[in-house]
Amino acid sequence: MRRRALVVDDEPAQRRIMRRYLEAEGYEVLEAPDGGEGLARFRAERVDLVVSDVIMEPEDGLALLRGVRGLDPSVPFILVSGAPDLAMAQAAVREGADDFVFKPVERASFLHSLGRVLERRQLREELAVARRREAERTSQAEALDARRRSLLDLVLHEVADAAATVRTSAQALEGCAGDEGARLLTDLDAGLGNVLDVLRVVAAVERMEAGEAEPAAPLSLVRALEEAGAPPGSIRGRPGGPSIGACAEAVVPTLRVLLGRSRVRSGGEPLCLELVGDPPGFSIAPFPALAGEEGRDGALLLARYAFEALGARVTLEGGRLHVRWSGLRGRA
């Protein structure tokens, strides 16, 4: 389909000149003698380019420019004037003209102006396409994040239901299915509880990173360790410990998994939970992991996932897990 240009000028000779230039560039050319007729033709026809004189009666080129921009803000528009008035040219550009050329219009200078205008239009279109694509990608990413959080909440709910069912079954079978059956159900209950805690941690971190975490009352680290099941007498060091605020939702279940894993892997050796003060944090010992396997240790991965998301630094040194927050008090 041929490109179509609208030439608006009250001088027929000027319209003929512009027609020759544009037809040589492959345009189909429409004509109008003033701004009013030009706007009517623009409304009635598909137009890819407007070239208009400025001074015309009864409707001038600036009125045409405003009318065209009200209908199509992107169509290329070149104004032509016989009066070399720089202030008028600046005003025209502010009104939305893409370029301003002065008569007499030489073919080379007109084609140079036309090339600049079309290049700028192409760049604007490419930028608009890029912005639309970026907005679509952002929207899709947000939708996927929301869907992932919803799915995680659903899995959390299902696992909680399963854990409650197993717990009820263990209680019902206790004393009538033998010690072995009750022990198996208790182990399964503990395993499901462990999975549930991991899912709680992931859900809490997801909500926090999405800015959806509900503010929580400050909770001391000692209280968090006790809620997580720290053995009586195992907590040593500075009393109270740092305060945990909105991140408590992720801290307590993480500690529960870490303490449970440490007790199992310690072979019955008592745990030592030592509070430290500068920067505030704690350590758990023993926390054994074979050399070279730290990156594959589930509890260590969970600790790093949860605590590093909350601004802490997690290290494993000599069988002791260290968790330090430089700004934990600010989360209270």
Protein backbone atom coordinates (compact mmCIF):
# COMPACT_ATOMS: atom_id res chain seq x y z
CA MET A 1 0.00 0.00 0.00
CA ARG A 2 1.39 3.37 -1.05
CA ARG A 3 2.08 5.96 1.62
CA ARG A 4 -0.26 8.95 1.45
CA ALA A 5 0.72 12.59 2.06
CA LEU A 6 -1.56 15.59 2.56
CA VAL A 7 -0.20 18.91 1.19
CA VAL A 8 -1.98 22.04 2.44
CA ASP A 9 -1.10 25.43 0.89
CA ASP A 10 -3.13 28.36 -0.44
CA GLU A 11 -0.75 28.72 -3.40
CA PRO A 12 -1.38 26.10 -6.14
CA ALA A 13 2.20 26.48 -7.44
CA GLN A 14 3.61 25.51 -4.02
CA ARG A 15 1.28 22.52 -3.85
CA ARG A 16 2.53 21.36 -7.27
CA ILE A 17 6.18 21.64 -6.14
CA MET A 18 5.54 19.61 -3.00
CA ARG A 19 3.53 17.08 -5.04
CA ARG A 20 6.51 16.49 -7.34
CA TYR A 21 8.91 16.03 -4.43
CA LEU A 22 6.63 13.60 -2.64
CA GLU A 23 5.52 11.58 -5.66
CA ALA A 24 9.19 11.05 -6.51
CA GLU A 25 9.52 9.48 -3.06
CA GLY A 26 6.61 7.12 -3.72
CA TYR A 27 3.79 9.03 -1.98
CA GLU A 28 0.22 9.37 -3.16
CA VAL A 29 -0.55 13.07 -2.64
CA LEU A 30 -3.78 14.70 -1.46
CA GLU A 31 -4.20 18.50 -1.60
CA ALA A 32 -6.13 21.19 0.29
CA PRO A 33 -6.04 25.03 -0.04
CA ASP A 34 -6.36 25.90 3.67
CA GLY A 35 -6.34 24.45 7.18
CA GLY A 36 -10.10 23.90 7.38
CA GLU A 37 -10.27 21.78 4.21
CA GLY A 38 -7.01 20.11 5.14
CA LEU A 39 -8.45 18.96 8.48
CA ALA A 40 -11.60 17.69 6.75
CA ARG A 41 -9.48 15.62 4.32
CA PHE A 42 -7.36 14.35 7.19
CA ARG A 43 -10.51 13.14 8.96
CA ALA A 44 -11.85 11.47 5.80
CA GLU A 45 -8.66 9.83 4.49
CA ARG A 46 -5.83 7.69 5.76
CA VAL A 47 -2.84 10.06 5.87
CA ASP A 48 0.79 9.11 6.65
CA LEU A 49 2.34 12.60 6.39
CA VAL A 50 1.13 16.22 6.52
CA VAL A 51 3.01 19.11 4.89
CA SER A 52 1.36 22.49 5.46
CA ASP A 53 1.98 26.17 4.88
CA VAL A 54 1.65 28.34 7.99
CA ILE A 55 -0.02 31.53 6.76
CA MET A 56 -3.38 30.75 5.11
CA GLU A 57 -6.94 32.02 5.26
CA PRO A 58 -9.37 31.35 6.84
CA GLU A 59 -7.65 28.49 8.77
CA ASP A 60 -3.86 28.71 9.10
CA GLY A 61 -1.31 25.95 9.47
CA LEU A 62 -1.04 26.17 13.25
CA ALA A 63 -4.80 25.64 13.60
CA LEU A 64 -4.47 22.63 11.28
CA LEU A 65 -1.57 21.34 13.38
CA ARG A 66 -3.63 21.53 16.58
CA GLY A 67 -6.57 19.82 14.89
CA VAL A 68 -4.42 17.00 13.49
CA ARG A 69 -2.67 16.46 16.82
CA GLY A 70 -6.06 16.17 18.48
CA LEU A 71 -6.88 13.31 16.10
CA ASP A 72 -3.47 11.65 15.74
CA PRO A 73 -0.53 12.67 17.97
CA SER A 74 1.97 10.57 16.00
CA VAL A 75 1.47 11.39 12.30
CA PRO A 76 4.55 13.26 10.93
CA PHE A 77 3.78 16.96 10.39
CA ILE A 78 6.07 19.44 8.58
CA LEU A 79 5.26 23.16 8.54
CA VAL A 80 6.44 25.42 5.70
CA SER A 81 6.65 29.21 5.85
CA GLY A 82 7.78 32.02 3.57
CA ALA A 83 8.64 34.21 6.58
CA PRO A 84 11.92 33.23 8.30
CA ASP A 85 10.51 33.72 11.79
CA LEU A 86 12.47 31.72 14.40
CA ALA A 87 9.95 32.46 17.19
CA MET A 88 7.14 31.10 14.99
CA ALA A 89 9.19 27.97 14.24
CA GLN A 90 9.81 27.38 17.96
CA ALA A 91 6.11 27.86 18.73
CA ALA A 92 5.20 25.39 15.98
CA VAL A 93 7.53 22.76 17.41
CA ARG A 94 5.99 23.29 20.86
CA GLU A 95 2.53 22.77 19.31
CA GLY A 96 3.68 19.40 17.97
CA ALA A 97 5.26 20.05 14.57
CA ASP A 98 8.01 17.55 13.73
CA ASP A 99 9.97 20.06 11.61
CA PHE A 100 9.79 23.58 10.20
CA VAL A 101 11.23 24.57 6.79
CA PHE A 102 11.34 27.93 5.01
CA LYS A 103 10.44 28.86 1.45
CA PRO A 104 11.67 28.64 -1.16
CA VAL A 105 11.83 24.94 -0.45
CA GLU A 106 14.69 23.24 -2.25
CA ARG A 107 14.23 19.55 -3.02
CA ALA A 108 17.41 18.49 -1.19
CA SER A 109 16.57 20.45 1.97
CA PHE A 110 12.97 19.19 1.96
CA LEU A 111 14.04 15.56 1.57
CA HIS A 112 16.60 16.04 4.34
CA SER A 113 13.84 17.36 6.62
CA LEU A 114 11.52 14.52 5.61
CA GLY A 115 14.22 11.93 6.36
CA ARG A 116 14.81 13.39 9.84
CA VAL A 117 11.08 13.40 10.60
CA LEU A 118 10.56 9.80 9.46
CA GLU A 119 13.62 8.61 11.37
CA ARG A 120 12.37 10.25 14.58
CA ARG A 121 8.93 8.71 14.03
CA GLN A 122 10.46 5.24 13.59
CA LEU A 123 12.49 5.69 16.78
CA ARG A 124 9.34 6.77 18.67
CA GLU A 125 7.44 3.74 17.38
CA GLU A 126 10.28 1.38 18.34
CA LEU A 127 10.45 2.95 21.80
CA ALA A 128 6.66 2.61 22.22
CA VAL A 129 6.86 -1.06 21.19
CA ALA A 130 9.72 -1.66 23.64
CA ARG A 131 7.78 0.02 26.44
CA ARG A 132 4.67 -2.05 25.69
CA ARG A 133 6.69 -5.25 25.71
CA GLU A 134 8.39 -4.29 28.95
CA ALA A 135 5.01 -3.48 30.51
CA GLU A 136 3.66 -6.84 29.30
CA ARG A 137 6.70 -8.67 30.73
CA THR A 138 6.32 -6.84 34.04
CA SER A 139 2.61 -7.63 34.15
CA GLN A 140 3.24 -11.29 33.34
CA ALA A 141 5.99 -11.49 35.98
CA GLU A 142 3.70 -9.95 38.60
CA ALA A 143 0.93 -12.37 37.63
CA LEU A 144 3.34 -15.32 37.90
CA ASP A 145 4.56 -14.11 41.29
CA ALA A 146 0.98 -13.81 42.55
CA ARG A 147 0.15 -17.25 41.14
CA ARG A 148 3.25 -18.76 42.76
CA ARG A 149 2.33 -17.27 46.12
CA SER A 150 -1.24 -18.55 45.77
CA LEU A 151 0.04 -22.01 44.87
CA LEU A 152 2.41 -21.94 47.82
CA ASP A 153 -0.45 -20.99 50.15
CA LEU A 154 -2.49 -23.88 48.74
CA VAL A 155 0.37 -26.37 49.26
CA LEU A 156 0.89 -25.03 52.78
CA HIS A 157 -2.80 -25.57 53.52
CA GLU A 158 -2.78 -29.11 52.09
CA VAL A 159 0.34 -30.14 54.02
CA ALA A 160 -1.11 -28.68 57.22
CA ASP A 161 -4.27 -30.75 56.69
CA ALA A 162 -2.16 -33.87 56.07
CA ALA A 163 -0.09 -33.25 59.19
CA ALA A 164 -3.26 -32.82 61.28
CA THR A 165 -4.66 -36.10 59.88
CA VAL A 166 -1.46 -38.01 60.68
CA ARG A 167 -1.35 -36.51 64.18
CA THR A 168 -4.96 -37.56 64.81
CA SER A 169 -4.24 -41.07 63.50
CA ALA A 170 -1.16 -41.41 65.70
CA GLN A 171 -3.18 -40.48 68.75
CA ALA A 172 -5.98 -42.88 67.82
CA LEU A 173 -3.60 -45.80 67.21
CA GLU A 174 -1.47 -45.22 70.27
CA GLY A 175 -1.72 -48.28 72.51
CA CYS A 176 -3.67 -50.40 69.99
CA ALA A 177 -1.35 -50.67 66.97
CA GLY A 178 1.79 -51.54 68.86
CA ASP A 179 4.81 -49.43 69.61
CA GLU A 180 6.23 -49.84 66.11
CA GLY A 181 3.08 -48.53 64.36
CA ALA A 182 2.80 -45.58 66.72
CA ARG A 183 6.49 -44.79 66.27
CA LEU A 184 6.16 -44.84 62.46
CA LEU A 185 3.18 -42.52 62.58
CA THR A 186 5.02 -40.22 64.99
CA ASP A 187 8.02 -40.13 62.64
CA LEU A 188 5.73 -39.36 59.71
CA ASP A 189 4.09 -36.62 61.75
CA ALA A 190 7.52 -35.14 62.50
CA GLY A 191 8.50 -35.34 58.82
CA LEU A 192 5.34 -33.61 57.67
CA GLY A 193 5.84 -30.97 60.35
CA ASN A 194 9.34 -30.38 58.99
CA VAL A 195 7.99 -29.95 55.44
CA LEU A 196 5.29 -27.65 56.75
CA ASP A 197 7.88 -25.47 58.49
CA VAL A 198 9.96 -25.24 55.31
CA LEU A 199 6.88 -24.15 53.36
CA ARG A 200 6.07 -21.60 56.09
CA VAL A 201 9.56 -20.15 55.69
CA VAL A 202 9.26 -19.92 51.90
CA ALA A 203 5.81 -18.35 52.16
CA ALA A 204 6.99 -15.81 54.75
CA VAL A 205 10.03 -14.79 52.69
CA GLU A 206 7.87 -14.51 49.56
CA ARG A 207 5.43 -12.23 51.37
CA MET A 208 8.24 -10.15 52.83
CA GLU A 209 9.97 -9.68 49.45
CA ALA A 210 6.62 -8.77 47.86
CA GLY A 211 6.02 -6.17 50.59
CA GLU A 212 3.00 -8.11 51.88
CA ALA A 213 4.38 -9.15 55.28
CA GLU A 214 2.17 -8.09 58.16
CA PRO A 215 3.98 -6.18 60.93
CA ALA A 216 4.50 -8.33 64.00
CA ALA A 217 5.09 -7.52 67.66
CA PRO A 218 8.80 -7.58 68.58
CA LEU A 219 9.98 -11.00 69.73
CA SER A 220 13.29 -11.60 71.47
CA LEU A 221 15.66 -14.11 69.91
CA VAL A 222 15.57 -16.11 73.15
CA ARG A 223 11.78 -16.34 72.92
CA ALA A 224 12.03 -17.31 69.25
CA LEU A 225 14.48 -20.11 70.11
CA GLU A 226 12.23 -21.32 72.91
CA GLU A 227 9.18 -21.30 70.61
CA ALA A 228 11.21 -23.25 68.08
CA GLY A 229 11.88 -26.00 70.66
CA ALA A 230 15.31 -25.16 72.06
CA PRO A 231 16.08 -27.76 74.80
CA PRO A 232 15.91 -26.39 78.37
CA GLY A 233 19.24 -25.00 79.49
CA SER A 234 20.74 -24.98 75.98
CA ILE A 235 20.62 -21.20 75.45
CA ARG A 236 23.73 -19.42 76.67
CA GLY A 237 25.10 -15.92 76.45
CA ARG A 238 23.62 -12.45 76.66
CA PRO A 239 20.06 -12.59 78.04
CA GLY A 240 17.18 -11.48 75.87
CA GLY A 241 19.07 -11.27 72.61
CA PRO A 242 18.16 -9.01 69.69
CA SER A 243 14.52 -8.27 68.90
CA ILE A 244 12.78 -9.80 65.88
CA GLY A 245 9.90 -7.90 64.33
CA ALA A 246 8.11 -8.60 61.07
CA CYS A 247 10.64 -11.32 60.18
CA ALA A 248 9.58 -13.53 63.13
CA GLU A 249 7.16 -15.32 60.80
CA ALA A 250 10.14 -16.72 58.91
CA VAL A 251 12.62 -16.96 61.81
CA VAL A 252 10.70 -19.26 64.16
CA PRO A 253 9.93 -22.06 61.66
CA THR A 254 13.47 -21.82 60.30
CA LEU A 255 14.85 -22.27 63.81
CA ARG A 256 12.48 -25.19 64.37
CA VAL A 257 13.86 -26.99 61.30
CA LEU A 258 17.48 -26.18 62.23
CA LEU A 259 17.11 -27.35 65.82
CA GLY A 260 15.33 -30.54 64.77
CA ARG A 261 17.98 -31.31 62.16
CA SER A 262 20.81 -30.54 64.56
CA ARG A 263 19.39 -32.80 67.28
CA VAL A 264 18.99 -35.68 64.84
CA ARG A 265 22.49 -35.30 63.40
CA SER A 266 24.23 -34.71 66.72
CA GLY A 267 23.64 -38.33 67.70
CA GLY A 268 22.17 -37.38 71.06
CA GLU A 269 24.89 -34.86 71.96
CA PRO A 270 23.34 -31.83 73.77
CA LEU A 271 22.82 -28.71 71.70
CA CYS A 272 24.47 -25.44 72.61
CA LEU A 273 22.72 -22.27 71.46
CA GLU A 274 25.01 -19.34 72.10
CA LEU A 275 23.79 -15.74 71.83
CA VAL A 276 26.26 -13.12 70.63
CA GLY A 277 26.03 -9.35 70.74
CA ASP A 278 28.18 -7.58 68.17
CA PRO A 279 26.69 -7.88 65.64
CA PRO A 280 23.69 -9.54 67.29
CA GLY A 281 22.91 -13.13 66.47
CA PHE A 282 23.39 -16.69 67.64
CA SER A 283 25.17 -19.94 66.90
CA ILE A 284 24.05 -23.57 67.02
CA ALA A 285 26.39 -26.46 67.81
CA PRO A 286 26.81 -29.18 66.89
CA PHE A 287 25.73 -28.63 63.34
CA PRO A 288 27.77 -31.25 61.45
CA ALA A 289 28.11 -31.28 57.66
CA LEU A 290 30.66 -33.20 55.63
CA ALA A 291 33.36 -31.17 53.93
CA GLY A 292 32.38 -30.23 50.39
CA GLU A 293 28.71 -30.96 50.99
CA GLU A 294 27.67 -27.71 52.67
CA GLY A 295 25.96 -26.43 49.51
CA ARG A 296 23.85 -29.59 49.42
CA ASP A 297 22.94 -29.61 53.09
CA GLY A 298 19.19 -28.95 53.28
CA ALA A 299 19.21 -27.24 56.67
CA LEU A 300 22.11 -24.98 55.71
CA LEU A 301 20.39 -24.05 52.46
CA LEU A 302 17.22 -23.23 54.35
CA ALA A 303 19.15 -21.12 56.87
CA ARG A 304 20.79 -19.14 54.10
CA TYR A 305 17.53 -18.74 52.20
CA ALA A 306 15.61 -17.46 55.21
CA PHE A 307 18.17 -15.52 57.21
CA GLU A 308 20.06 -13.94 54.32
CA ALA A 309 16.73 -12.73 52.90
CA LEU A 310 16.24 -11.06 56.30
CA GLY A 311 19.61 -9.33 56.18
CA ALA A 312 21.72 -11.80 58.17
CA ARG A 313 24.99 -13.49 57.30
CA VAL A 314 25.10 -17.28 57.67
CA THR A 315 28.33 -19.26 58.00
CA LEU A 316 29.26 -22.79 59.05
CA GLU A 317 32.57 -23.11 60.85
CA GLY A 318 33.88 -26.17 62.66
CA GLY A 319 30.46 -27.77 63.04
CA ARG A 320 28.90 -24.57 64.41
CA LEU A 321 26.29 -22.60 62.49
CA HIS A 322 26.63 -18.81 62.92
CA VAL A 323 23.82 -16.37 62.13
CA ARG A 324 24.60 -12.65 62.53
CA TRP A 325 22.37 -9.62 61.79
CA SER A 326 24.00 -6.24 61.39
CA GLY A 327 20.63 -4.43 61.41
CA LEU A 328 18.27 -6.75 63.26
CA ARG A 329 17.33 -4.17 65.87
CA GLY A 330 15.97 -2.02 63.04
CA ARG A 331 13.43 -4.77 62.31
CA ALA A 332 11.93 -4.73 65.77
